[in-house]
Amino acid sequence: MTSWGKRADMLVHEEAPFNAEPTSAALAASYLTPTDTFYSRNHGPIPTLDPATWRLEVDGLVDRTLRLSLQELKDSFEEHEVTATVQCAGNRRAGLIAVRDIPGEDPWQDGATSTAIWAGIRLTDVLAAAGVTQDDAAADELHVAFQAPDVSELARPSQAYGGSIPLTKATRPEVLLAWSMNGEALAPVHGAPLRVVVPGWIGARSVKWLERVTVRHGPSDNYFQSVAYRLLPPDADPDAAGPGDGLSLGPIALNSAILSPCPSQHGQRRHCGGRRVRLRRRRTSCRAGRRVVRRGPDLGAGRPGPRPRALGMAVVACRGPRHRRGRRARRPSLGRHCRCPALGGRTALEPQGIRQQLLPPSDGARRRRLS
């Protein structure tokens, strides 16, 4: 085991603040990520809070302010479980750094994304107890801000970590205030005693060690919402960026990576060459509320590849072009026309040769085959 109970083969980018990710092989081993394998992203020292004295405060534009203990939260609200992926906005940054240096940023590989079963209470239930609902006339203008106690020296000036999401997202049933991860109480490194889990959004919004929830007009003015985690123009100087510059990151972009064979097995092979290739898909969605319903290889010249076989919800195994009606081809192969830049160490937001079809939830019953 390494620091904070993580497995020995974790790729540790920094010890303080602790930032580490699993290897591609460890991530690909299972759909649910074991706690000792789950990546860890931090901006300051990891606090150790006493659950007995910890309190959650709910304030701001609410009818009733709340101050609740962990036991009161468990006794007053119904517990729910959500299986969800948390992904760092910097996942696969190493591929971008290979093209153009990004000073001061950790070179995350493919492992800054992990899936767990989270248990806790719905944020919308707590907000309703404070008198805040989606039916409010100003709901579209309201945001829900989260405050944690971990003070980051990376911020200008130094300050406790925080962030926010729109009320329209905060009242979604999948957004949790979680105290359990994979059937066990949260570990300090993952936000004990209580953390936010915002499925479909960058991990920076799933604030750990939650102490305060504030309903307000507009996004949080915390450094990590107003300055960091923003998309700037190509010619902008990140060191000179100020509050509100660029676009704030929220819904996670579609992101996929080839984990097996792992990078150490790639060698000089630039195509799939008859080998079975597994694509790890972790809650891949282009925008909040959408999902990937079809993925497969692109064989070039506008010809779609075969329908892939989904293993659970996480792994897609691409098979050869000659299988029919779900039967595997005798010699599974994507052939030399399957373009897989990731096998050569090159990365992009979406590896070439992989196609996806996105449908809004309302069209879920009308799934279409790619022709």
Protein backbone atom coordinates (compact mmCIF):
# COMPACT_ATOMS: atom_id res chain seq x y z
CA MET A 1 0.00 0.00 0.00
CA THR A 2 1.07 3.58 -0.71
CA SER A 3 -0.13 6.78 0.94
CA TRP A 4 -3.75 6.92 2.09
CA GLY A 5 -4.32 3.20 1.64
CA LYS A 6 -3.80 3.15 -2.12
CA ARG A 7 -2.38 0.15 -3.95
CA ALA A 8 1.38 -0.04 -4.43
CA ASP A 9 1.35 0.37 -8.21
CA MET A 10 -0.53 3.71 -8.19
CA LEU A 11 1.04 6.43 -10.31
CA VAL A 12 1.62 9.18 -7.73
CA HIS A 13 2.00 12.61 -9.32
CA GLU A 14 2.37 14.45 -6.02
CA GLU A 15 2.50 13.51 -2.35
CA ALA A 16 1.46 16.97 -1.12
CA PRO A 17 -1.18 17.65 -2.20
CA PHE A 18 -1.78 13.95 -2.81
CA ASN A 19 -2.59 13.26 -6.46
CA ALA A 20 -2.52 9.72 -7.80
CA GLU A 21 -4.15 7.49 -10.40
CA PRO A 22 -4.29 3.75 -11.10
CA THR A 23 -2.52 2.07 -13.98
CA SER A 24 -4.46 1.27 -17.14
CA ALA A 25 -4.43 -2.43 -16.26
CA ALA A 26 -5.78 -1.80 -12.76
CA LEU A 27 -8.54 0.47 -14.07
CA ALA A 28 -9.55 -2.04 -16.74
CA ALA A 29 -9.73 -4.92 -14.28
CA SER A 30 -13.33 -4.24 -13.23
CA TYR A 31 -16.29 -1.98 -13.92
CA LEU A 32 -16.52 -0.84 -10.31
CA THR A 33 -13.26 0.66 -9.12
CA PRO A 34 -12.07 -0.68 -5.74
CA THR A 35 -11.46 2.05 -3.19
CA ASP A 36 -7.73 1.35 -3.06
CA THR A 37 -7.63 1.80 -6.86
CA PHE A 38 -9.86 4.88 -7.12
CA TYR A 39 -7.93 7.95 -8.28
CA SER A 40 -7.32 10.85 -5.89
CA ARG A 41 -7.24 14.54 -6.88
CA ASN A 42 -6.57 17.18 -4.25
CA HIS A 43 -5.64 20.85 -4.14
CA GLY A 44 -4.51 21.05 -0.54
CA PRO A 45 -3.86 18.97 2.59
CA ILE A 46 -6.35 16.16 3.21
CA PRO A 47 -8.31 17.03 6.37
CA THR A 48 -9.33 14.44 8.93
CA LEU A 49 -12.68 15.47 10.38
CA ASP A 50 -14.45 14.05 13.43
CA PRO A 51 -17.90 12.79 12.30
CA ALA A 52 -19.25 13.33 15.82
CA THR A 53 -18.55 17.09 15.83
CA TRP A 54 -18.90 17.75 12.08
CA ARG A 55 -21.91 19.80 10.96
CA LEU A 56 -23.41 20.68 7.57
CA GLU A 57 -24.75 24.21 7.16
CA VAL A 58 -27.30 25.13 4.47
CA ASP A 59 -27.78 28.85 3.95
CA GLY A 60 -28.08 31.63 1.38
CA LEU A 61 -31.30 32.18 -0.57
CA VAL A 62 -33.30 29.68 1.47
CA ASP A 63 -36.48 29.92 3.53
CA ARG A 64 -34.87 28.11 6.46
CA THR A 65 -31.19 27.81 7.32
CA LEU A 66 -30.13 24.35 8.44
CA ARG A 67 -27.33 23.05 10.61
CA LEU A 68 -27.33 19.27 10.70
CA SER A 69 -25.10 16.56 12.12
CA LEU A 70 -24.25 13.42 10.17
CA GLN A 71 -26.66 11.40 12.30
CA GLU A 72 -29.45 13.94 11.75
CA LEU A 73 -28.93 13.67 8.00
CA LYS A 74 -29.20 9.90 8.21
CA ASP A 75 -32.31 10.04 10.41
CA SER A 76 -34.14 12.81 8.55
CA PHE A 77 -33.70 11.86 4.89
CA GLU A 78 -34.15 8.72 2.82
CA GLU A 79 -30.93 7.00 1.79
CA HIS A 80 -30.26 6.37 -1.89
CA GLU A 81 -27.57 4.63 -3.91
CA VAL A 82 -26.09 5.78 -7.20
CA THR A 83 -23.49 4.01 -9.28
CA ALA A 84 -21.55 6.84 -10.86
CA THR A 85 -18.22 7.79 -12.32
CA VAL A 86 -16.12 10.67 -11.08
CA GLN A 87 -13.61 11.98 -13.61
CA CYS A 88 -10.98 14.67 -13.23
CA ALA A 89 -11.14 17.43 -15.83
CA GLY A 90 -7.43 16.82 -16.44
CA ASN A 91 -7.79 13.15 -17.31
CA ARG A 92 -5.48 12.20 -20.23
CA ARG A 93 -3.70 15.57 -20.01
CA ALA A 94 -0.41 13.78 -20.71
CA GLY A 95 -1.49 13.42 -24.33
CA LEU A 96 -2.04 17.15 -24.59
CA ILE A 97 1.30 17.88 -22.91
CA ALA A 98 2.98 15.70 -25.53
CA VAL A 99 1.75 18.18 -28.14
CA ARG A 100 2.16 21.40 -26.17
CA ASP A 101 3.50 21.87 -22.66
CA ILE A 102 1.05 22.87 -19.92
CA PRO A 103 3.23 24.36 -17.15
CA GLY A 104 2.31 23.64 -13.56
CA GLU A 105 -0.17 20.86 -14.33
CA ASP A 106 0.15 17.18 -13.49
CA PRO A 107 0.49 14.85 -16.50
CA TRP A 108 -2.55 12.69 -15.80
CA GLN A 109 -2.66 9.51 -17.88
CA ASP A 110 -5.86 7.49 -18.46
CA GLY A 111 -6.62 6.73 -14.82
CA ALA A 112 -8.11 9.96 -13.45
CA THR A 113 -11.56 8.43 -13.80
CA SER A 114 -13.17 5.85 -11.52
CA THR A 115 -16.58 4.34 -10.82
CA ALA A 116 -18.09 3.51 -7.44
CA ILE A 117 -21.39 2.80 -5.72
CA TRP A 118 -22.19 5.90 -3.67
CA ALA A 119 -24.74 5.95 -0.85
CA GLY A 120 -26.19 8.95 0.90
CA ILE A 121 -29.06 11.40 0.54
CA ARG A 122 -30.27 13.41 -2.41
CA LEU A 123 -29.14 17.01 -2.41
CA THR A 124 -32.57 18.03 -3.67
CA ASP A 125 -34.18 16.60 -0.50
CA VAL A 126 -31.92 18.73 1.72
CA LEU A 127 -32.63 21.81 -0.39
CA ALA A 128 -36.37 21.14 -0.16
CA ALA A 129 -36.06 20.98 3.63
CA ALA A 130 -34.53 24.46 3.45
CA GLY A 131 -37.42 25.64 1.27
CA VAL A 132 -35.64 25.56 -2.10
CA THR A 133 -37.16 23.71 -5.05
CA GLN A 134 -36.88 23.67 -8.80
CA ASP A 135 -40.32 25.29 -8.97
CA ASP A 136 -38.98 28.61 -7.67
CA ALA A 137 -39.52 31.46 -10.12
CA ALA A 138 -35.80 32.32 -10.16
CA ALA A 139 -34.62 28.70 -10.33
CA ASP A 140 -32.87 29.16 -13.68
CA GLU A 141 -30.72 31.93 -12.21
CA LEU A 142 -29.81 30.17 -8.96
CA HIS A 143 -26.71 28.13 -8.25
CA VAL A 144 -25.78 25.89 -5.34
CA ALA A 145 -22.29 26.49 -3.96
CA PHE A 146 -20.26 23.99 -1.94
CA GLN A 147 -17.58 24.84 0.62
CA ALA A 148 -14.88 22.55 2.03
CA PRO A 149 -12.27 23.14 4.77
CA ASP A 150 -9.14 22.16 2.82
CA VAL A 151 -7.15 25.35 2.21
CA SER A 152 -5.23 25.38 -1.07
CA GLU A 153 -2.01 27.32 -1.54
CA LEU A 154 -2.57 27.00 -5.30
CA ALA A 155 -5.37 29.56 -5.21
CA ARG A 156 -4.74 33.29 -5.51
CA PRO A 157 -5.12 34.22 -2.70
CA SER A 158 -4.96 31.01 -0.66
CA GLN A 159 -8.46 29.84 0.26
CA ALA A 160 -10.59 26.86 1.10
CA TYR A 161 -11.74 24.76 -1.83
CA GLY A 162 -15.20 25.34 -3.27
CA GLY A 163 -17.34 25.19 -6.38
CA SER A 164 -20.94 25.29 -7.55
CA ILE A 165 -23.48 23.81 -9.92
CA PRO A 166 -26.75 25.27 -11.25
CA LEU A 167 -29.86 24.61 -9.19
CA THR A 168 -31.31 22.82 -12.22
CA LYS A 169 -28.54 20.22 -11.83
CA ALA A 170 -28.52 20.24 -8.02
CA THR A 171 -32.18 19.16 -7.94
CA ARG A 172 -31.59 16.17 -10.18
CA PRO A 173 -32.18 12.87 -8.32
CA GLU A 174 -28.71 11.48 -9.14
CA VAL A 175 -26.86 14.24 -7.27
CA LEU A 176 -25.99 12.92 -3.80
CA LEU A 177 -24.50 14.01 -0.52
CA ALA A 178 -22.67 10.74 0.04
CA TRP A 179 -21.26 9.17 3.19
CA SER A 180 -20.57 5.71 1.75
CA MET A 181 -18.44 4.42 -1.12
CA ASN A 182 -18.54 0.82 -2.35
CA GLY A 183 -20.45 -0.29 0.73
CA GLU A 184 -18.08 1.27 3.28
CA ALA A 185 -17.91 4.59 5.08
CA LEU A 186 -16.00 7.23 3.14
CA ALA A 187 -12.27 7.28 3.74
CA PRO A 188 -10.66 10.64 4.57
CA VAL A 189 -8.91 10.71 1.19
CA HIS A 190 -12.31 10.48 -0.54
CA GLY A 191 -14.12 13.15 1.46
CA ALA A 192 -15.23 11.77 4.84
CA PRO A 193 -17.56 12.30 6.49
CA LEU A 194 -19.67 13.75 3.62
CA ARG A 195 -19.02 14.69 0.02
CA VAL A 196 -20.96 15.78 -3.03
CA VAL A 197 -21.32 13.40 -6.00
CA VAL A 198 -22.37 15.11 -9.24
CA PRO A 199 -22.62 12.44 -11.97
CA GLY A 200 -21.90 13.64 -15.49
CA TRP A 201 -19.93 16.72 -14.37
CA ILE A 202 -16.20 17.20 -13.89
CA GLY A 203 -14.89 15.83 -10.61
CA ALA A 204 -14.02 19.33 -9.40
CA ARG A 205 -17.72 19.90 -8.71
CA SER A 206 -18.03 16.78 -6.55
CA VAL A 207 -16.63 18.63 -3.55
CA LYS A 208 -15.18 16.53 -0.73
CA TRP A 209 -15.31 17.18 3.04
CA LEU A 210 -18.47 19.22 2.51
CA GLU A 211 -19.24 21.72 5.30
CA ARG A 212 -21.50 24.33 3.71
CA VAL A 213 -24.16 24.45 0.99
CA THR A 214 -25.15 27.95 -0.13
CA VAL A 215 -27.93 28.86 -2.56
CA ARG A 216 -27.01 32.04 -4.43
CA HIS A 217 -27.48 34.05 -7.59
CA GLY A 218 -24.87 33.01 -10.13
CA PRO A 219 -21.90 30.64 -9.81
CA SER A 220 -19.61 30.56 -6.81
CA ASP A 221 -16.89 33.21 -6.64
CA ASN A 222 -14.46 30.66 -5.21
CA TYR A 223 -11.12 30.58 -7.03
CA PHE A 224 -11.69 27.02 -8.26
CA GLN A 225 -14.95 28.05 -9.90
CA SER A 226 -14.28 31.60 -11.09
CA VAL A 227 -10.62 31.30 -12.16
CA ALA A 228 -9.52 27.64 -12.30
CA TYR A 229 -11.28 24.91 -14.26
CA ARG A 230 -12.09 27.22 -17.13
CA LEU A 231 -11.49 26.88 -20.85
CA LEU A 232 -9.44 29.84 -22.08
CA PRO A 233 -8.79 31.01 -25.66
CA PRO A 234 -5.64 29.47 -27.25
CA ASP A 235 -3.68 32.71 -27.01
CA ALA A 236 -4.64 33.48 -23.40
CA ASP A 237 -2.07 33.51 -20.59
CA PRO A 238 -3.39 31.25 -17.77
CA ASP A 239 -1.27 33.09 -15.20
CA ALA A 240 -2.95 36.37 -16.14
CA ALA A 241 -6.51 35.02 -16.29
CA GLY A 242 -8.97 36.64 -13.92
CA PRO A 243 -12.38 35.73 -12.51
CA GLY A 244 -14.91 34.97 -15.18
CA ASP A 245 -12.42 34.68 -18.05
CA GLY A 246 -13.15 31.89 -20.52
CA LEU A 247 -15.81 29.22 -20.15
CA SER A 248 -16.46 27.40 -16.89
CA LEU A 249 -16.14 23.62 -17.13
CA GLY A 250 -19.20 21.66 -16.08
CA PRO A 251 -20.67 18.66 -17.95
CA ILE A 252 -17.90 16.20 -18.74
CA ALA A 253 -16.95 15.81 -22.39
CA LEU A 254 -17.07 12.47 -24.13
CA ASN A 255 -13.76 10.80 -23.33
CA SER A 256 -12.55 7.29 -24.11
CA ALA A 257 -9.21 5.54 -23.91
CA ILE A 258 -7.77 2.18 -24.92
CA LEU A 259 -6.66 0.46 -21.71
CA SER A 260 -5.99 -3.04 -22.99
CA PRO A 261 -3.47 -3.64 -24.39
CA CYS A 262 -1.85 -1.22 -21.96
CA PRO A 263 0.74 1.30 -23.19
CA SER A 264 3.65 -0.96 -22.22
CA GLN A 265 2.30 -3.60 -24.63
CA HIS A 266 1.88 -1.28 -27.57
CA GLY A 267 5.40 -1.48 -28.93
CA GLN A 268 5.54 -0.52 -32.58
CA ARG A 269 2.10 -1.80 -33.46
CA ARG A 270 0.00 1.05 -34.82
CA HIS A 271 -3.13 -0.92 -35.64
CA CYS A 272 -5.19 -3.56 -33.95
CA GLY A 273 -3.61 -6.34 -35.99
CA GLY A 274 -5.97 -9.15 -35.03
CA ARG A 275 -5.82 -8.48 -31.31
CA ARG A 276 -8.91 -7.98 -29.23
CA VAL A 277 -9.11 -4.39 -28.02
CA ARG A 278 -11.06 -3.35 -24.98
CA LEU A 279 -12.33 0.19 -24.65
CA ARG A 280 -13.04 1.34 -21.12
CA ARG A 281 -16.06 3.64 -21.06
CA ARG A 282 -16.68 5.52 -17.83
CA ARG A 283 -19.99 7.34 -17.75
CA THR A 284 -19.30 8.75 -21.15
CA SER A 285 -21.66 11.54 -22.04
CA CYS A 286 -21.32 14.58 -24.22
CA ARG A 287 -23.58 16.81 -22.17
CA ALA A 288 -25.56 16.49 -18.97
CA GLY A 289 -28.59 14.25 -19.38
CA ARG A 290 -27.31 12.52 -22.52
CA ARG A 291 -25.70 9.14 -22.90
CA VAL A 292 -23.84 7.06 -25.44
CA VAL A 293 -26.13 4.42 -26.92
CA ARG A 294 -23.91 3.07 -29.69
CA ARG A 295 -20.19 2.84 -30.24
CA GLY A 296 -18.15 0.97 -32.78
CA PRO A 297 -15.07 1.16 -34.98
CA ASP A 298 -15.02 3.30 -38.09
CA LEU A 299 -13.51 1.28 -40.93
CA GLY A 300 -12.90 4.32 -43.09
CA ALA A 301 -14.47 5.59 -46.32
CA GLY A 302 -17.66 6.30 -44.40
CA ARG A 303 -18.21 2.61 -43.63
CA PRO A 304 -19.34 1.92 -40.04
CA GLY A 305 -17.85 -1.02 -38.21
CA PRO A 306 -19.62 -3.89 -36.49
CA ARG A 307 -21.95 -3.46 -33.57
CA PRO A 308 -19.77 -3.72 -30.47
CA ARG A 309 -20.55 -6.07 -27.61
CA ALA A 310 -21.03 -4.31 -24.29
CA LEU A 311 -19.71 -5.96 -21.16
CA GLY A 312 -21.74 -4.42 -18.36
CA MET A 313 -21.74 -0.67 -18.88
CA ALA A 314 -18.01 -0.13 -18.84
CA VAL A 315 -16.17 -2.28 -21.36
CA VAL A 316 -16.80 -2.49 -25.07
CA ALA A 317 -14.99 -5.23 -26.98
CA CYS A 318 -14.64 -4.45 -30.68
CA ARG A 319 -14.79 -7.53 -32.85
CA GLY A 320 -14.14 -8.39 -36.45
CA PRO A 321 -16.18 -7.18 -39.40
CA ARG A 322 -17.59 -10.60 -40.33
CA HIS A 323 -19.70 -11.45 -37.30
CA ARG A 324 -23.47 -11.57 -37.78
CA ARG A 325 -26.39 -11.43 -35.40
CA GLY A 326 -24.21 -11.20 -32.34
CA ARG A 327 -22.03 -14.21 -33.26
CA ARG A 328 -18.29 -13.69 -32.94
CA ALA A 329 -16.16 -13.93 -36.04
CA ARG A 330 -13.74 -16.83 -36.05
CA ARG A 331 -10.83 -14.45 -36.35
CA PRO A 332 -11.71 -11.23 -34.51
CA SER A 333 -9.91 -8.39 -36.21
CA LEU A 334 -10.40 -4.74 -36.85
CA GLY A 335 -7.91 -4.94 -39.71
CA ARG A 336 -5.34 -2.47 -40.84
CA HIS A 337 -7.98 0.12 -41.61
CA CYS A 338 -8.88 0.59 -37.93
CA ARG A 339 -7.13 3.77 -36.85
CA CYS A 340 -6.16 3.68 -33.16
CA PRO A 341 -3.74 6.53 -32.43
CA ALA A 342 -3.83 5.74 -28.72
CA LEU A 343 -1.94 2.53 -29.45
CA GLY A 344 0.95 4.64 -30.62
CA GLY A 345 0.92 6.80 -27.55
CA ARG A 346 -0.96 9.63 -29.23
CA THR A 347 -4.07 10.86 -27.51
CA ALA A 348 -7.06 13.02 -28.22
CA LEU A 349 -10.40 13.68 -26.57
CA GLU A 350 -11.80 10.81 -28.62
CA PRO A 351 -9.44 8.37 -30.38
CA GLN A 352 -9.90 8.30 -34.13
CA GLY A 353 -11.76 5.31 -35.45
CA ILE A 354 -14.38 5.27 -32.70
CA ARG A 355 -17.89 6.44 -33.48
CA GLN A 356 -20.66 7.31 -31.06
CA GLN A 357 -24.33 8.21 -31.32
CA LEU A 358 -25.84 10.52 -28.69
CA LEU A 359 -29.55 10.70 -27.97
CA PRO A 360 -31.41 12.78 -25.38
CA PRO A 361 -33.19 10.79 -22.65
CA SER A 362 -36.61 11.38 -24.23
CA ASP A 363 -35.48 9.52 -27.33
CA GLY A 364 -34.18 6.53 -25.42
CA ALA A 365 -36.98 4.28 -26.63
CA ARG A 366 -36.17 5.16 -30.24
CA ARG A 367 -32.65 3.83 -30.44
CA ARG A 368 -31.40 3.64 -33.98
CA ARG A 369 -28.78 1.52 -35.58
CA LEU A 370 -25.94 3.23 -37.32
CA SER A 371 -26.07 2.37 -40.96
